[in-house]
C-alpha atoms as a PDB file:
ATOM      1  CA  UNK A   1      23.410  27.199  22.047  1.00  0.00           C
ATOM      2  CA  UNK A   2      22.765  23.685  20.798  1.00  0.00           C
ATOM      3  CA  UNK A   3      19.120  23.667  19.782  1.00  0.00           C
ATOM      4  CA  UNK A   4      16.437  22.083  17.624  1.00  0.00           C
ATOM      5  CA  UNK A   5      13.164  23.890  16.992  1.00  0.00           C
ATOM      6  CA  UNK A   6      10.241  22.119  15.358  1.00  0.00           C
ATOM      7  CA  UNK A   7       7.408  23.811  13.485  1.00  0.00           C
ATOM      8  CA  UNK A   8       4.564  22.954  11.138  1.00  0.00           C
ATOM      9  CA  UNK A   9       2.256  21.039  13.445  1.00  0.00           C
ATOM     10  CA  UNK A  10      -1.435  21.713  13.718  1.00  0.00           C
ATOM     11  CA  UNK A  11      -4.928  20.365  13.208  1.00  0.00           C
ATOM     12  CA  UNK A  12      -5.636  18.468  10.004  1.00  0.00           C
ATOM     13  CA  UNK A  13      -8.498  16.314   8.787  1.00  0.00           C
ATOM     14  CA  UNK A  14      -8.045  12.588   8.183  1.00  0.00           C
ATOM     15  CA  UNK A  15      -6.499  12.057   4.770  1.00  0.00           C
ATOM     16  CA  UNK A  16      -4.767  15.417   4.861  1.00  0.00           C
ATOM     17  CA  UNK A  17      -1.098  16.350   4.818  1.00  0.00           C
ATOM     18  CA  UNK A  18       1.343  18.288   6.935  1.00  0.00           C
ATOM     19  CA  UNK A  19       5.024  19.078   6.614  1.00  0.00           C
ATOM     20  CA  UNK A  20       7.014  19.383   9.801  1.00  0.00           C
ATOM     21  CA  UNK A  21      10.283  21.276   9.876  1.00  0.00           C
ATOM     22  CA  UNK A  22      13.103  21.171  12.396  1.00  0.00           C
ATOM     23  CA  UNK A  23      15.684  23.958  12.478  1.00  0.00           C
ATOM     24  CA  UNK A  24      19.091  23.213  13.959  1.00  0.00           C
ATOM     25  CA  UNK A  25      21.532  25.646  15.527  1.00  0.00           C
ATOM     26  CA  UNK A  26      24.680  25.607  17.613  1.00  0.00           C
ATOM     27  CA  UNK A  27      26.248  22.449  16.214  1.00  0.00           C
ATOM     28  CA  UNK A  28      27.581  20.969  12.980  1.00  0.00           C
ATOM     29  CA  UNK A  29      24.255  19.822  11.592  1.00  0.00           C
ATOM     30  CA  UNK A  30      25.677  17.851   8.669  1.00  0.00           C
ATOM     31  CA  UNK A  31      27.634  15.611  11.057  1.00  0.00           C
ATOM     32  CA  UNK A  32      24.556  14.188  12.752  1.00  0.00           C
ATOM     33  CA  UNK A  33      22.008  11.637  11.742  1.00  0.00           C
ATOM     34  CA  UNK A  34      18.535  12.953  12.438  1.00  0.00           C
ATOM     35  CA  UNK A  35      15.323  11.319  13.553  1.00  0.00           C
ATOM     36  CA  UNK A  36      11.692  12.146  14.053  1.00  0.00           C
ATOM     37  CA  UNK A  37       9.908  10.588  17.000  1.00  0.00           C
ATOM     38  CA  UNK A  38       6.359  10.951  18.226  1.00  0.00           C
ATOM     39  CA  UNK A  39       4.563  10.480  21.503  1.00  0.00           C
ATOM     40  CA  UNK A  40       0.821  10.043  21.777  1.00  0.00           C
ATOM     41  CA  UNK A  41      -1.023  10.596  25.072  1.00  0.00           C
ATOM     42  CA  UNK A  42      -0.453   7.681  27.425  1.00  0.00           C
ATOM     43  CA  UNK A  43       2.056   6.028  25.104  1.00  0.00           C
ATOM     44  CA  UNK A  44       5.816   5.765  24.927  1.00  0.00           C
ATOM     45  CA  UNK A  45       7.823   7.866  22.519  1.00  0.00           C
ATOM     46  CA  UNK A  46       8.342   5.957  19.272  1.00  0.00           C
ATOM     47  CA  UNK A  47      10.707   6.338  16.363  1.00  0.00           C
ATOM     48  CA  UNK A  48       8.996   7.482  13.169  1.00  0.00           C
ATOM     49  CA  UNK A  49      11.806   8.095  10.696  1.00  0.00           C
ATOM     50  CA  UNK A  50      15.589   8.298  10.414  1.00  0.00           C
ATOM     51  CA  UNK A  51      17.889  10.000   7.943  1.00  0.00           C
ATOM     52  CA  UNK A  52      21.658   9.720   7.673  1.00  0.00           C
ATOM     53  CA  UNK A  53      24.064  12.654   7.716  1.00  0.00           C
ATOM     54  CA  UNK A  54      24.029  13.219   3.961  1.00  0.00           C
ATOM     55  CA  UNK A  55      20.499  11.999   3.426  1.00  0.00           C
ATOM     56  CA  UNK A  56      21.477   8.897   1.530  1.00  0.00           C
ATOM     57  CA  UNK A  57      19.860   6.492   3.961  1.00  0.00           C
ATOM     58  CA  UNK A  58      16.346   6.725   5.331  1.00  0.00           C
ATOM     59  CA  UNK A  59      14.354   4.340   7.472  1.00  0.00           C
ATOM     60  CA  UNK A  60      10.765   4.368   8.625  1.00  0.00           C
ATOM     61  CA  UNK A  61       8.563   2.777  11.202  1.00  0.00           C
ATOM     62  CA  UNK A  62       6.037   0.404   9.661  1.00  0.00           C
ATOM     63  CA  UNK A  63       3.294   2.877  10.577  1.00  0.00           C
ATOM     64  CA  UNK A  64       5.001   5.600   8.514  1.00  0.00           C
ATOM     65  CA  UNK A  65       6.090   3.663   5.437  1.00  0.00           C
ATOM     66  CA  UNK A  66       4.533   4.810   2.167  1.00  0.00           C
ATOM     67  CA  UNK A  67       2.916   7.823   3.865  1.00  0.00           C
ATOM     68  CA  UNK A  68       5.743   9.827   5.461  1.00  0.00           C
ATOM     69  CA  UNK A  69       8.970  11.115   3.922  1.00  0.00           C
ATOM     70  CA  UNK A  70      11.968  12.385   5.871  1.00  0.00           C
ATOM     71  CA  UNK A  71      14.431  14.713   4.159  1.00  0.00           C
ATOM     72  CA  UNK A  72      17.111  17.223   5.055  1.00  0.00           C
ATOM     73  CA  UNK A  73      18.776  20.322   3.691  1.00  0.00           C
ATOM     74  CA  UNK A  74      22.227  20.585   5.216  1.00  0.00           C
ATOM     75  CA  UNK A  75      22.852  24.022   3.707  1.00  0.00           C
ATOM     76  CA  UNK A  76      19.754  25.364   5.493  1.00  0.00           C
ATOM     77  CA  UNK A  77      20.254  23.206   8.588  1.00  0.00           C
ATOM     78  CA  UNK A  78      16.762  21.828   8.312  1.00  0.00           C
ATOM     79  CA  UNK A  79      15.172  18.411   8.531  1.00  0.00           C
ATOM     80  CA  UNK A  80      11.649  17.783   7.300  1.00  0.00           C
ATOM     81  CA  UNK A  81       8.907  15.232   7.768  1.00  0.00           C
ATOM     82  CA  UNK A  82       6.310  15.213   5.010  1.00  0.00           C
ATOM     83  CA  UNK A  83       3.212  13.401   6.247  1.00  0.00           C
ATOM     84  CA  UNK A  84       0.479  12.372   3.830  1.00  0.00           C
ATOM     85  CA  UNK A  85      -2.734  10.387   4.205  1.00  0.00           C
ATOM     86  CA  UNK A  86      -2.855  11.264   7.872  1.00  0.00           C
ATOM     87  CA  UNK A  87      -4.916   9.149  10.234  1.00  0.00           C
ATOM     88  CA  UNK A  88      -6.352   9.781  13.678  1.00  0.00           C
ATOM     89  CA  UNK A  89      -3.723   7.459  15.114  1.00  0.00           C
ATOM     90  CA  UNK A  90      -0.998   9.799  13.878  1.00  0.00           C
ATOM     91  CA  UNK A  91      -2.102  12.305  16.524  1.00  0.00           C
ATOM     92  CA  UNK A  92       0.900  12.940  18.763  1.00  0.00           C
ATOM     93  CA  UNK A  93       3.610  15.377  19.714  1.00  0.00           C
ATOM     94  CA  UNK A  94       6.367  15.066  17.121  1.00  0.00           C
ATOM     95  CA  UNK A  95       9.986  15.567  18.143  1.00  0.00           C
ATOM     96  CA  UNK A  96      13.138  15.848  16.115  1.00  0.00           C
ATOM     97  CA  UNK A  97      16.361  14.451  17.505  1.00  0.00           C
ATOM     98  CA  UNK A  98      19.994  14.924  16.564  1.00  0.00           C
ATOM     99  CA  UNK A  99      21.285  11.468  17.394  1.00  0.00           C
ATOM    100  CA  UNK A 100      23.246  11.478  20.612  1.00  0.00           C
ATOM    101  CA  UNK A 101      23.077  15.263  21.009  1.00  0.00           C
ATOM    102  CA  UNK A 102      19.803  17.113  21.489  1.00  0.00           C
ATOM    103  CA  UNK A 103      16.009  16.895  21.307  1.00  0.00           C
ATOM    104  CA  UNK A 104      13.616  19.523  20.090  1.00  0.00           C
ATOM    105  CA  UNK A 105      10.718  20.721  22.206  1.00  0.00           C
ATOM    106  CA  UNK A 106       8.084  19.061  20.034  1.00  0.00           C
ATOM    107  CA  UNK A 107       5.186  20.151  17.849  1.00  0.00           C
ATOM    108  CA  UNK A 108       1.610  18.933  18.235  1.00  0.00           C
ATOM    109  CA  UNK A 109      -0.077  17.148  15.344  1.00  0.00           C
ATOM    110  CA  UNK A 110      -3.790  16.490  15.698  1.00  0.00           C
ATOM    111  CA  UNK A 111      -5.688  14.525  13.065  1.00  0.00           C
ATOM    112  CA  UNK A 112      -9.418  14.920  13.533  1.00  0.00           C
ATOM    113  CA  UNK A 113     -12.563  15.762  11.629  1.00  0.00           C
END
């Protein structure tokens, strides 16, 4: 079964950090570029970060630059999103996406004191 499963979300205080993970199964993970998106209540889903198949190319939304880092481990079939200096406006459901193939179910990130 082609599947992505996110984990690592939760409640964190402003200025804190979280690392999201996304586990892939059922497809050739190393053949797909991967992305993290997020969707806040009442807003459209937006692209947060992108990583190429071998990890050599990464791109970030302006809101994520210098605070978030996307990475992948093809041997473990995992993609990560390290989020530092979190702000209240980062509160959203975070989704991973294998480009052109499958979405994960999402993990909630809430930044609040």
